[in-house]
Amino acid sequence: MGSEKFLRCSVCDAIHHVSPFDKAPAYTLVGIELEERATDDWRLFMKQHAGHRLEHDCSSVGSGRPRIILVLW
């Protein structure tokens, strides 16, 4: 778990788990066909919380105090 990265919005109290799957496509079944849709979960989180105070370098075990950054979009 030590390599897991999280972002936390201190305004909304929302948490995003940063992973290599953030840009994995999403698939929807339309009839008998699979429809592929590009995604970027990290970018969406950053856009939704633009201007909010974000904590990064958070870990799931709470080791250390997270650093605070302000994201201006």
PDB file of N, CA and C in Angstrom:
ATOM      1  N   MET A   1       0.803  -1.208   0.000  1.00  0.00           N
ATOM      2  CA  MET A   1       0.000   0.000   0.000  1.00  0.00           C
ATOM      3  C   MET A   1       0.840   1.263   0.000  1.00  0.00           C
ATOM      4  N   GLY A   2       2.112   1.186   0.286  1.00  0.00           N
ATOM      5  CA  GLY A   2       2.944   2.362   0.374  1.00  0.00           C
ATOM      6  C   GLY A   2       3.064   3.145  -0.911  1.00  0.00           C
ATOM      7  N   SER A   3       2.868   2.508  -2.069  1.00  0.00           N
ATOM      8  CA  SER A   3       3.015   3.209  -3.341  1.00  0.00           C
ATOM      9  C   SER A   3       1.706   3.807  -3.832  1.00  0.00           C
ATOM     10  N   GLU A   4       0.609   3.586  -3.119  1.00  0.00           N
ATOM     11  CA  GLU A   4      -0.675   4.124  -3.548  1.00  0.00           C
ATOM     12  C   GLU A   4      -0.707   5.629  -3.313  1.00  0.00           C
ATOM     13  N   LYS A   5      -1.268   6.363  -4.267  1.00  0.00           N
ATOM     14  CA  LYS A   5      -1.363   7.819  -4.173  1.00  0.00           C
ATOM     15  C   LYS A   5      -2.835   8.232  -4.148  1.00  0.00           C
ATOM     16  N   PHE A   6      -3.119   9.242  -3.349  1.00  0.00           N
ATOM     17  CA  PHE A   6      -4.467   9.763  -3.235  1.00  0.00           C
ATOM     18  C   PHE A   6      -4.426  11.279  -3.293  1.00  0.00           C
ATOM     19  N   LEU A   7      -5.489  11.870  -3.822  1.00  0.00           N
ATOM     20  CA  LEU A   7      -5.720  13.310  -3.761  1.00  0.00           C
ATOM     21  C   LEU A   7      -6.984  13.519  -2.943  1.00  0.00           C
ATOM     22  N   ARG A   8      -6.984  14.518  -2.080  1.00  0.00           N
ATOM     23  CA  ARG A   8      -8.169  14.827  -1.280  1.00  0.00           C
ATOM     24  C   ARG A   8      -8.490  16.304  -1.420  1.00  0.00           C
ATOM     25  N   CYS A   9      -9.740  16.583  -1.751  1.00  0.00           N
ATOM     26  CA  CYS A   9     -10.216  17.962  -1.805  1.00  0.00           C
ATOM     27  C   CYS A   9     -10.697  18.315  -0.404  1.00  0.00           C
ATOM     28  N   SER A  10     -10.032  19.289   0.230  1.00  0.00           N
ATOM     29  CA  SER A  10     -10.414  19.645   1.598  1.00  0.00           C
ATOM     30  C   SER A  10     -11.686  20.478   1.643  1.00  0.00           C
ATOM     31  N   VAL A  11     -12.136  20.998   0.499  1.00  0.00           N
ATOM     32  CA  VAL A  11     -13.387  21.757   0.440  1.00  0.00           C
ATOM     33  C   VAL A  11     -14.578  20.800   0.374  1.00  0.00           C
ATOM     34  N   CYS A  12     -14.507  19.820  -0.540  1.00  0.00           N
ATOM     35  CA  CYS A  12     -15.618  18.881  -0.777  1.00  0.00           C
ATOM     36  C   CYS A  12     -15.461  17.575  -0.010  1.00  0.00           C
ATOM     37  N   ASP A  13     -14.273  17.338   0.523  1.00  0.00           N
ATOM     38  CA  ASP A  13     -13.935  16.089   1.197  1.00  0.00           C
ATOM     39  C   ASP A  13     -14.006  14.900   0.236  1.00  0.00           C
ATOM     40  N   ALA A  14     -13.754  15.153  -1.054  1.00  0.00           N
ATOM     41  CA  ALA A  14     -13.724  14.091  -2.066  1.00  0.00           C
ATOM     42  C   ALA A  14     -12.306  13.543  -2.166  1.00  0.00           C
ATOM     43  N   ILE A  15     -12.206  12.255  -2.441  1.00  0.00           N
ATOM     44  CA  ILE A  15     -10.905  11.598  -2.555  1.00  0.00           C
ATOM     45  C   ILE A  15     -10.804  10.927  -3.913  1.00  0.00           C
ATOM     46  N   HIS A  16      -9.644  11.072  -4.548  1.00  0.00           N
ATOM     47  CA  HIS A  16      -9.371  10.395  -5.821  1.00  0.00           C
ATOM     48  C   HIS A  16      -8.145   9.514  -5.649  1.00  0.00           C
ATOM     49  N   HIS A  17      -8.285   8.253  -6.004  1.00  0.00           N
ATOM     50  CA  HIS A  17      -7.162   7.316  -5.976  1.00  0.00           C
ATOM     51  C   HIS A  17      -6.461   7.397  -7.324  1.00  0.00           C
ATOM     52  N   VAL A  18      -5.252   7.901  -7.347  1.00  0.00           N
ATOM     53  CA  VAL A  18      -4.469   8.042  -8.580  1.00  0.00           C
ATOM     54  C   VAL A  18      -3.936   6.662  -8.955  1.00  0.00           C
ATOM     55  N   SER A  19      -4.206   6.242 -10.186  1.00  0.00           N
ATOM     56  CA  SER A  19      -3.742   4.923 -10.617  1.00  0.00           C
ATOM     57  C   SER A  19      -3.471   4.921 -12.116  1.00  0.00           C
ATOM     58  N   PRO A  20      -2.789   3.903 -12.604  1.00  0.00           N
ATOM     59  CA  PRO A  20      -2.540   3.801 -14.047  1.00  0.00           C
ATOM     60  C   PRO A  20      -3.836   3.602 -14.836  1.00  0.00           C
ATOM     61  N   PHE A  21      -4.923   3.266 -14.152  1.00  0.00           N
ATOM     62  CA  PHE A  21      -6.196   3.028 -14.826  1.00  0.00           C
ATOM     63  C   PHE A  21      -7.017   4.299 -15.023  1.00  0.00           C
ATOM     64  N   ASP A  22      -6.508   5.451 -14.583  1.00  0.00           N
ATOM     65  CA  ASP A  22      -7.233   6.715 -14.739  1.00  0.00           C
ATOM     66  C   ASP A  22      -7.593   6.995 -16.197  1.00  0.00           C
ATOM     67  N   LYS A  23      -6.760   6.555 -17.123  1.00  0.00           N
ATOM     68  CA  LYS A  23      -7.014   6.810 -18.544  1.00  0.00           C
ATOM     69  C   LYS A  23      -7.518   5.577 -19.285  1.00  0.00           C
ATOM     70  N   ALA A  24      -7.916   4.542 -18.543  1.00  0.00           N
ATOM     71  CA  ALA A  24      -8.450   3.332 -19.176  1.00  0.00           C
ATOM     72  C   ALA A  24      -9.823   3.647 -19.778  1.00  0.00           C
ATOM     73  N   PRO A  25     -10.109   3.139 -20.962  1.00  0.00           N
ATOM     74  CA  PRO A  25     -11.406   3.420 -21.579  1.00  0.00           C
ATOM     75  C   PRO A  25     -12.549   2.771 -20.799  1.00  0.00           C
ATOM     76  N   ALA A  26     -13.726   3.360 -20.935  1.00  0.00           N
ATOM     77  CA  ALA A  26     -14.943   2.797 -20.351  1.00  0.00           C
ATOM     78  C   ALA A  26     -15.734   2.156 -21.484  1.00  0.00           C
ATOM     79  N   TYR A  27     -16.400   1.067 -21.192  1.00  0.00           N
ATOM     80  CA  TYR A  27     -17.160   0.352 -22.203  1.00  0.00           C
ATOM     81  C   TYR A  27     -18.629   0.296 -21.806  1.00  0.00           C
ATOM     82  N   THR A  28     -19.510   0.521 -22.782  1.00  0.00           N
ATOM     83  CA  THR A  28     -20.947   0.462 -22.579  1.00  0.00           C
ATOM     84  C   THR A  28     -21.522  -0.509 -23.592  1.00  0.00           C
ATOM     85  N   LEU A  29     -22.427  -1.366 -23.142  1.00  0.00           N
ATOM     86  CA  LEU A  29     -23.083  -2.298 -24.039  1.00  0.00           C
ATOM     87  C   LEU A  29     -24.269  -1.597 -24.688  1.00  0.00           C
ATOM     88  N   VAL A  30     -24.230  -1.464 -26.005  1.00  0.00           N
ATOM     89  CA  VAL A  30     -25.304  -0.829 -26.772  1.00  0.00           C
ATOM     90  C   VAL A  30     -25.851  -1.906 -27.701  1.00  0.00           C
ATOM     91  N   GLY A  31     -26.991  -2.464 -27.340  1.00  0.00           N
ATOM     92  CA  GLY A  31     -27.524  -3.599 -28.093  1.00  0.00           C
ATOM     93  C   GLY A  31     -26.606  -4.791 -27.904  1.00  0.00           C
ATOM     94  N   ILE A  32     -26.003  -5.236 -28.999  1.00  0.00           N
ATOM     95  CA  ILE A  32     -25.044  -6.342 -28.911  1.00  0.00           C
ATOM     96  C   ILE A  32     -23.612  -5.859 -29.166  1.00  0.00           C
ATOM     97  N   GLU A  33     -23.445  -4.555 -29.295  1.00  0.00           N
ATOM     98  CA  GLU A  33     -22.132  -3.945 -29.567  1.00  0.00           C
ATOM     99  C   GLU A  33     -21.567  -3.304 -28.298  1.00  0.00           C
ATOM    100  N   LEU A  34     -20.250  -3.353 -28.154  1.00  0.00           N
ATOM    101  CA  LEU A  34     -19.573  -2.633 -27.083  1.00  0.00           C
ATOM    102  C   LEU A  34     -19.122  -1.282 -27.617  1.00  0.00           C
ATOM    103  N   GLU A  35     -19.467  -0.231 -26.898  1.00  0.00           N
ATOM    104  CA  GLU A  35     -19.065   1.121 -27.281  1.00  0.00           C
ATOM    105  C   GLU A  35     -17.944   1.570 -26.339  1.00  0.00           C
ATOM    106  N   GLU A  36     -16.818   1.970 -26.913  1.00  0.00           N
ATOM    107  CA  GLU A  36     -15.672   2.405 -26.122  1.00  0.00           C
ATOM    108  C   GLU A  36     -15.677   3.926 -25.991  1.00  0.00           C
ATOM    109  N   ARG A  37     -15.415   4.408 -24.770  1.00  0.00           N
ATOM    110  CA  ARG A  37     -15.368   5.847 -24.512  1.00  0.00           C
ATOM    111  C   ARG A  37     -14.078   6.166 -23.771  1.00  0.00           C
ATOM    112  N   ALA A  38     -13.341   7.131 -24.272  1.00  0.00           N
ATOM    113  CA  ALA A  38     -12.091   7.550 -23.623  1.00  0.00           C
ATOM    114  C   ALA A  38     -12.412   8.227 -22.292  1.00  0.00           C
ATOM    115  N   THR A  39     -11.568   7.999 -21.283  1.00  0.00           N
ATOM    116  CA  THR A  39     -11.752   8.628 -19.974  1.00  0.00           C
ATOM    117  C   THR A  39     -10.413   9.169 -19.470  1.00  0.00           C
ATOM    118  N   ASP A  40     -10.495  10.099 -18.558  1.00  0.00           N
ATOM    119  CA  ASP A  40      -9.324  10.604 -17.850  1.00  0.00           C
ATOM    120  C   ASP A  40      -9.812  11.041 -16.473  1.00  0.00           C
ATOM    121  N   ASP A  41      -9.886  10.083 -15.552  1.00  0.00           N
ATOM    122  CA  ASP A  41     -10.451  10.334 -14.228  1.00  0.00           C
ATOM    123  C   ASP A  41      -9.670  11.377 -13.439  1.00  0.00           C
ATOM    124  N   TRP A  42      -8.334  11.375 -13.566  1.00  0.00           N
ATOM    125  CA  TRP A  42      -7.516  12.359 -12.852  1.00  0.00           C
ATOM    126  C   TRP A  42      -7.833  13.768 -13.333  1.00  0.00           C
ATOM    127  N   ARG A  43      -7.876  13.965 -14.652  1.00  0.00           N
ATOM    128  CA  ARG A  43      -8.157  15.287 -15.206  1.00  0.00           C
ATOM    129  C   ARG A  43      -9.564  15.757 -14.825  1.00  0.00           C
ATOM    130  N   LEU A  44     -10.542  14.848 -14.827  1.00  0.00           N
ATOM    131  CA  LEU A  44     -11.903  15.193 -14.429  1.00  0.00           C
ATOM    132  C   LEU A  44     -11.946  15.635 -12.964  1.00  0.00           C
ATOM    133  N   PHE A  45     -11.245  14.914 -12.081  1.00  0.00           N
ATOM    134  CA  PHE A  45     -11.189  15.292 -10.667  1.00  0.00           C
ATOM    135  C   PHE A  45     -10.576  16.678 -10.512  1.00  0.00           C
ATOM    136  N   MET A  46      -9.466  16.924 -11.225  1.00  0.00           N
ATOM    137  CA  MET A  46      -8.801  18.218 -11.139  1.00  0.00           C
ATOM    138  C   MET A  46      -9.704  19.342 -11.652  1.00  0.00           C
ATOM    139  N   LYS A  47     -10.462  19.084 -12.709  1.00  0.00           N
ATOM    140  CA  LYS A  47     -11.368  20.095 -13.264  1.00  0.00           C
ATOM    141  C   LYS A  47     -12.520  20.378 -12.293  1.00  0.00           C
ATOM    142  N   GLN A  48     -13.090  19.318 -11.701  1.00  0.00           N
ATOM    143  CA  GLN A  48     -14.209  19.489 -10.775  1.00  0.00           C
ATOM    144  C   GLN A  48     -13.803  20.221  -9.501  1.00  0.00           C
ATOM    145  N   HIS A  49     -12.529  20.139  -9.140  1.00  0.00           N
ATOM    146  CA  HIS A  49     -12.069  20.738  -7.888  1.00  0.00           C
ATOM    147  C   HIS A  49     -11.084  21.886  -8.132  1.00  0.00           C
ATOM    148  N   ALA A  50     -11.147  22.469  -9.324  1.00  0.00           N
ATOM    149  CA  ALA A  50     -10.291  23.607  -9.661  1.00  0.00           C
ATOM    150  C   ALA A  50     -10.547  24.752  -8.684  1.00  0.00           C
ATOM    151  N   GLY A  51      -9.478  25.328  -8.165  1.00  0.00           N
ATOM    152  CA  GLY A  51      -9.599  26.432  -7.219  1.00  0.00           C
ATOM    153  C   GLY A  51      -9.777  25.976  -5.785  1.00  0.00           C
ATOM    154  N   HIS A  52      -9.997  24.676  -5.573  1.00  0.00           N
ATOM    155  CA  HIS A  52     -10.140  24.145  -4.223  1.00  0.00           C
ATOM    156  C   HIS A  52      -8.761  23.809  -3.650  1.00  0.00           C
ATOM    157  N   ARG A  53      -8.694  23.704  -2.372  1.00  0.00           N
ATOM    158  CA  ARG A  53      -7.462  23.316  -1.715  1.00  0.00           C
ATOM    159  C   ARG A  53      -7.367  21.786  -1.734  1.00  0.00           C
ATOM    160  N   LEU A  54      -6.290  21.267  -2.324  1.00  0.00           N
ATOM    161  CA  LEU A  54      -6.114  19.825  -2.454  1.00  0.00           C
ATOM    162  C   LEU A  54      -4.937  19.350  -1.618  1.00  0.00           C
ATOM    163  N   GLU A  55      -5.128  18.199  -0.987  1.00  0.00           N
ATOM    164  CA  GLU A  55      -4.044  17.530  -0.274  1.00  0.00           C
ATOM    165  C   GLU A  55      -3.547  16.434  -1.197  1.00  0.00           C
ATOM    166  N   HIS A  56      -2.231  16.313  -1.330  1.00  0.00           N
ATOM    167  CA  HIS A  56      -1.680  15.237  -2.140  1.00  0.00           C
ATOM    168  C   HIS A  56      -0.596  14.527  -1.343  1.00  0.00           C
ATOM    169  N   ASP A  57      -0.083  13.480  -1.885  1.00  0.00           N
ATOM    170  CA  ASP A  57       0.853  12.609  -1.172  1.00  0.00           C
ATOM    171  C   ASP A  57       0.204  12.028   0.073  1.00  0.00           C
ATOM    172  N   CYS A  58      -1.113  11.847   0.016  1.00  0.00           N
ATOM    173  CA  CYS A  58      -1.824  11.189   1.110  1.00  0.00           C
ATOM    174  C   CYS A  58      -1.668   9.686   0.917  1.00  0.00           C
ATOM    175  N   SER A  59      -1.688   8.952   1.979  1.00  0.00           N
ATOM    176  CA  SER A  59      -1.624   7.496   1.858  1.00  0.00           C
ATOM    177  C   SER A  59      -2.802   6.886   2.607  1.00  0.00           C
ATOM    178  N   SER A  60      -3.094   5.653   2.285  1.00  0.00           N
ATOM    179  CA  SER A  60      -4.236   4.983   2.897  1.00  0.00           C
ATOM    180  C   SER A  60      -3.998   4.640   4.363  1.00  0.00           C
ATOM    181  N   VAL A  61      -2.760   4.728   4.830  1.00  0.00           N
ATOM    182  CA  VAL A  61      -2.466   4.414   6.223  1.00  0.00           C
ATOM    183  C   VAL A  61      -2.179   5.674   7.036  1.00  0.00           C
ATOM    184  N   GLY A  62      -2.270   6.838   6.429  1.00  0.00           N
ATOM    185  CA  GLY A  62      -2.114   8.086   7.139  1.00  0.00           C
ATOM    186  C   GLY A  62      -0.714   8.386   7.604  1.00  0.00           C
ATOM    187  N   SER A  63       0.293   7.943   6.861  1.00  0.00           N
ATOM    188  CA  SER A  63       1.671   8.203   7.284  1.00  0.00           C
ATOM    189  C   SER A  63       2.070   9.633   6.961  1.00  0.00           C
ATOM    190  N   GLY A  64       2.448  10.383   7.959  1.00  0.00           N
ATOM    191  CA  GLY A  64       2.896  11.752   7.749  1.00  0.00           C
ATOM    192  C   GLY A  64       1.745  12.709   7.504  1.00  0.00           C
ATOM    193  N   ARG A  65       2.089  13.965   7.444  1.00  0.00           N
ATOM    194  CA  ARG A  65       1.088  15.005   7.194  1.00  0.00           C
ATOM    195  C   ARG A  65       1.061  15.320   5.703  1.00  0.00           C
ATOM    196  N   PRO A  66      -0.128  15.322   5.079  1.00  0.00           N
ATOM    197  CA  PRO A  66      -0.197  15.611   3.645  1.00  0.00           C
ATOM    198  C   PRO A  66       0.171  17.052   3.335  1.00  0.00           C
ATOM    199  N   ARG A  67       0.769  17.254   2.165  1.00  0.00           N
ATOM    200  CA  ARG A  67       1.076  18.604   1.706  1.00  0.00           C
ATOM    201  C   ARG A  67      -0.189  19.220   1.108  1.00  0.00           C
ATOM    202  N   ILE A  68      -0.294  20.524   1.214  1.00  0.00           N
ATOM    203  CA  ILE A  68      -1.462  21.237   0.698  1.00  0.00           C
ATOM    204  C   ILE A  68      -1.030  21.997  -0.563  1.00  0.00           C
ATOM    205  N   ILE A  69      -1.858  21.901  -1.613  1.00  0.00           N
ATOM    206  CA  ILE A  69      -1.615  22.687  -2.828  1.00  0.00           C
ATOM    207  C   ILE A  69      -2.917  23.344  -3.219  1.00  0.00           C
ATOM    208  N   LEU A  70      -2.834  24.454  -3.884  1.00  0.00           N
ATOM    209  CA  LEU A  70      -4.012  25.141  -4.408  1.00  0.00           C
ATOM    210  C   LEU A  70      -3.951  25.048  -5.908  1.00  0.00           C
ATOM    211  N   VAL A  71      -4.998  24.487  -6.503  1.00  0.00           N
ATOM    212  CA  VAL A  71      -5.040  24.290  -7.952  1.00  0.00           C
ATOM    213  C   VAL A  71      -5.886  25.398  -8.556  1.00  0.00           C
ATOM    214  N   LEU A  72      -5.292  26.198  -9.406  1.00  0.00           N
ATOM    215  CA  LEU A  72      -6.016  27.246 -10.124  1.00  0.00           C
ATOM    216  C   LEU A  72      -6.173  26.802 -11.552  1.00  0.00           C
ATOM    217  N   TRP A  73      -7.351  26.788 -12.066  1.00  0.00           N
ATOM    218  CA  TRP A  73      -7.615  26.308 -13.419  1.00  0.00           C
ATOM    219  C   TRP A  73      -8.042  27.434 -14.294  1.00  0.00           C
TER     220      TRP A  73
END
